[in-house]
Protein backbone atom coordinates (compact mmCIF):
# COMPACT_ATOMS: atom_id res chain seq x y z
CA MET A 1 10.25 -2.36 17.15
CA THR A 2 8.63 1.11 16.94
CA THR A 3 5.64 1.71 15.34
CA TYR A 4 4.89 4.64 12.68
CA LEU A 5 2.10 5.53 15.55
CA ASP A 6 4.79 5.83 18.51
CA ASN A 7 6.68 7.78 16.64
CA ALA A 8 4.48 9.76 15.76
CA ALA A 9 3.04 12.84 17.31
CA THR A 10 -0.31 12.37 19.54
CA SER A 11 -2.84 14.27 17.48
CA PHE A 12 -2.26 11.48 14.88
CA PRO A 13 -6.16 10.14 14.75
CA LYS A 14 -5.89 6.17 13.84
CA PRO A 15 -6.20 5.80 10.56
CA GLU A 16 -9.12 3.78 9.20
CA ALA A 17 -7.49 2.51 6.00
CA VAL A 18 -3.63 2.85 4.56
CA TYR A 19 -3.52 2.09 0.47
CA SER A 20 0.53 1.42 -0.36
CA ILE A 21 1.03 1.70 -3.95
CA PHE A 22 4.88 0.49 -5.25
CA PRO A 23 6.12 1.23 -1.23
CA VAL A 24 9.87 1.33 -0.62
CA ASP A 25 11.35 -1.28 1.88
CA PRO A 26 10.64 0.99 5.19
CA VAL A 27 13.59 -1.84 6.97
CA THR A 28 16.45 0.54 3.90
CA ILE A 29 15.17 3.69 5.90
CA ASP A 30 15.29 2.61 9.53
CA PRO A 31 15.77 -1.29 10.36
CA SER A 32 13.80 -0.62 13.22
CA LEU A 33 10.39 0.73 11.85
CA GLU A 34 7.07 -1.45 12.18
CA VAL A 35 5.12 0.01 9.28
CA ALA A 36 1.85 -2.16 10.93
CA PRO A 37 -1.11 0.17 11.17
CA PRO A 38 -3.85 -0.38 14.16
CA ARG A 39 -5.74 -3.45 14.57
CA GLY A 40 -9.00 -2.33 12.99
CA THR A 41 -7.39 -0.65 9.72
CA ARG A 42 -7.88 -1.72 6.20
CA VAL A 43 -5.35 -2.50 4.06
CA LEU A 44 -4.69 -2.21 0.21
CA LEU A 45 -1.19 -3.08 -0.99
CA LEU A 46 -0.07 -3.04 -4.36
CA ALA A 47 3.60 -3.72 -5.95
CA GLY A 48 4.40 -3.48 -9.93
CA GLU A 49 5.23 -6.58 -11.94
CA ASP A 50 7.57 -4.60 -13.81
CA ASP A 51 8.38 -1.85 -11.18
CA ALA A 52 12.23 -1.62 -11.55
CA VAL A 53 12.86 1.49 -8.72
CA VAL A 54 11.62 -0.09 -5.67
CA GLY A 55 10.66 -3.71 -7.17
CA ARG A 56 8.62 -6.32 -4.56
CA SER A 57 10.87 -5.52 -1.72
CA GLY A 58 8.82 -2.78 -0.31
CA ALA A 59 5.70 -4.29 -0.25
CA ASP A 60 6.61 -8.10 0.48
CA GLU A 61 8.46 -5.97 3.66
CA ILE A 62 4.95 -4.27 4.83
CA TRP A 63 2.92 -7.51 3.67
CA ALA A 64 5.38 -9.27 6.19
CA GLN A 65 4.14 -7.10 8.95
CA LEU A 66 0.69 -6.90 8.43
CA ARG A 67 0.11 -10.16 9.48
CA SER A 68 -0.59 -9.31 12.91
CA LEU A 69 -4.01 -8.19 10.90
CA PRO A 70 -7.40 -9.87 10.40
CA ALA A 71 -6.91 -11.68 6.61
CA SER A 72 -10.13 -9.63 6.10
CA ALA A 73 -8.54 -6.38 6.65
CA ARG A 74 -5.09 -6.72 4.23
CA GLU A 75 -5.09 -7.08 0.89
CA TYR A 76 -2.26 -7.66 -1.45
CA ARG A 77 -2.29 -7.01 -4.86
CA ILE A 78 0.38 -7.88 -7.91
CA VAL A 79 -0.18 -5.50 -10.73
CA ARG A 80 0.27 -7.23 -13.47
CA THR A 81 1.75 -6.21 -17.39
CA THR A 82 -0.65 -6.52 -19.90
CA ASP A 83 -0.96 -4.97 -23.60
CA ASP A 84 -3.09 -1.87 -22.23
CA LEU A 85 -0.69 -1.14 -19.20
CA LEU A 86 2.69 -1.62 -18.31
CA ALA A 87 2.69 -2.55 -14.19
CA ASP A 88 6.64 -0.32 -14.14
CA HIS A 89 7.19 2.89 -10.96
CA GLU A 90 5.32 5.82 -12.70
CA ALA A 91 2.45 3.20 -13.85
CA PRO A 92 -0.25 5.21 -11.30
CA THR A 93 1.26 8.79 -13.06
CA TYR A 94 -0.54 8.04 -16.57
CA VAL A 95 -4.32 9.02 -14.68
CA GLU A 96 -5.47 9.68 -18.83
CA SER A 97 -5.50 6.10 -19.19
CA PRO A 98 -9.39 4.67 -18.10
CA VAL A 99 -7.06 1.01 -17.17
CA VAL A 100 -5.04 3.06 -15.06
CA ARG A 101 -8.19 5.11 -13.31
CA GLU A 102 -9.40 1.30 -12.77
CA THR A 103 -6.50 -0.74 -11.64
CA PHE A 104 -4.82 2.24 -9.17
CA TRP A 105 -7.55 4.78 -8.65
CA ALA A 106 -10.85 2.66 -8.65
CA PRO A 107 -9.24 1.13 -5.60
CA LEU A 108 -8.59 4.02 -3.76
CA ASP A 109 -12.42 5.47 -3.90
CA ARG A 110 -13.93 2.14 -2.60
CA LEU A 111 -10.70 2.08 0.40
CA VAL A 112 -12.26 5.95 0.83
CA GLU A 113 -15.77 5.06 0.82
CA HIS A 114 -15.81 2.12 2.92
CA ALA A 115 -13.74 3.96 5.77
CA ARG A 116 -15.97 7.13 5.75
CA SER A 117 -19.01 4.62 6.12
């Protein structure tokens, strides 16, 4: 398999963190593409319970490719539908909602803060 970094320009820096919200299945794009980042990279992966656009297949495939990372460096969250949040593909775009900001954007802020420290 080929990794993204193998295909990328050599000037790309190693990522400190990866945050993926409702990703498409990378195998449908390129079956030879391996998406696992280098060791030492923290990964937070989200899938929506009611995402009818990409479902969980992309997140499940990426999660399977993250097995080489230590458990402490990777996290997979299923975003559940509640009275205040419909966990569909558009959910992250409703930035006016405090629930959306806490569900999607606060974890990103924490991940960036950790990567910068």
